[in-house]
Amino acid sequence: MTLPKMLMIAGAALLVAGFLLQFIKAGRLPGDIVIKKENMTFYFPIVTSILISLILTGIFFLIGRFK
């Protein structure tokens, strides 16, 4: 697979993931770290990152398997 084709597939996957994340509110899962102070809020979506990583790993595994 050539580099331009891989970039197009990765871009399409990110586009679909971004579109779906708008509707399922996956950015606020239990386990995500939120620290609120007086004038600052720190948000680290660790569980969301792990979930997205697992989904993308499965997608790329399937793409590689049927290549």
Protein backbone atom coordinates (compact mmCIF):
# COMPACT_ATOMS: atom_id res chain seq x y z
CA MET A 1 0.00 0.00 0.00
CA THR A 2 1.38 3.37 -0.95
CA LEU A 3 1.75 6.31 1.41
CA PRO A 4 -0.94 8.50 -0.22
CA LYS A 5 -3.46 5.67 0.00
CA MET A 6 -2.65 5.06 3.67
CA LEU A 7 -3.01 8.78 4.43
CA MET A 8 -6.39 8.86 2.70
CA ILE A 9 -7.62 5.86 4.71
CA ALA A 10 -6.34 7.35 7.97
CA GLY A 11 -8.01 10.68 7.15
CA ALA A 12 -11.30 8.96 6.36
CA ALA A 13 -11.11 7.00 9.63
CA LEU A 14 -10.49 10.20 11.60
CA LEU A 15 -13.35 11.94 9.83
CA VAL A 16 -15.77 9.13 10.67
CA ALA A 17 -14.52 8.94 14.26
CA GLY A 18 -14.90 12.69 14.73
CA PHE A 19 -18.40 12.63 13.29
CA LEU A 20 -19.45 9.78 15.59
CA LEU A 21 -17.89 11.36 18.68
CA GLN A 22 -20.12 14.41 18.22
CA PHE A 23 -23.22 12.32 18.79
CA ILE A 24 -22.23 9.70 21.37
CA LYS A 25 -20.50 12.00 23.89
CA ALA A 26 -17.53 9.63 24.21
CA GLY A 27 -15.34 12.40 25.56
CA ARG A 28 -16.89 12.19 29.03
CA LEU A 29 -16.53 8.53 29.97
CA PRO A 30 -16.13 7.33 33.56
CA GLY A 31 -12.42 7.16 34.29
CA ASP A 32 -11.52 10.32 32.40
CA ILE A 33 -9.55 12.64 34.66
CA VAL A 34 -11.04 16.07 35.42
CA ILE A 35 -9.38 18.45 37.89
CA LYS A 36 -11.19 21.72 38.59
CA LYS A 37 -9.49 24.52 40.48
CA GLU A 38 -10.58 28.11 41.08
CA ASN A 39 -9.61 29.51 37.69
CA MET A 40 -8.42 26.39 35.83
CA THR A 41 -9.84 23.11 34.56
CA PHE A 42 -7.58 20.23 33.51
CA TYR A 43 -9.17 17.44 31.49
CA PHE A 44 -7.35 14.26 30.42
CA PRO A 45 -9.54 11.72 28.57
CA ILE A 46 -7.55 8.57 29.40
CA VAL A 47 -10.43 6.07 29.05
CA THR A 48 -11.64 7.72 25.86
CA SER A 49 -8.10 7.50 24.43
CA ILE A 50 -7.87 3.80 25.28
CA LEU A 51 -11.27 3.11 23.71
CA ILE A 52 -10.39 4.95 20.49
CA SER A 53 -7.05 3.11 20.37
CA LEU A 54 -8.79 -0.26 20.63
CA ILE A 55 -11.29 0.64 17.91
CA LEU A 56 -8.59 1.89 15.53
CA THR A 57 -6.44 -1.17 16.22
CA GLY A 58 -9.35 -3.40 15.24
CA ILE A 59 -10.05 -1.40 12.09
CA PHE A 60 -6.43 -1.44 10.95
CA PHE A 61 -6.15 -5.16 11.79
CA LEU A 62 -9.13 -5.88 9.53
CA ILE A 63 -7.76 -3.69 6.75
CA GLY A 64 -4.41 -5.49 6.95
CA ARG A 65 -6.00 -8.92 7.04
CA PHE A 66 -8.09 -8.42 3.90
CA LYS A 67 -5.36 -6.57 1.99
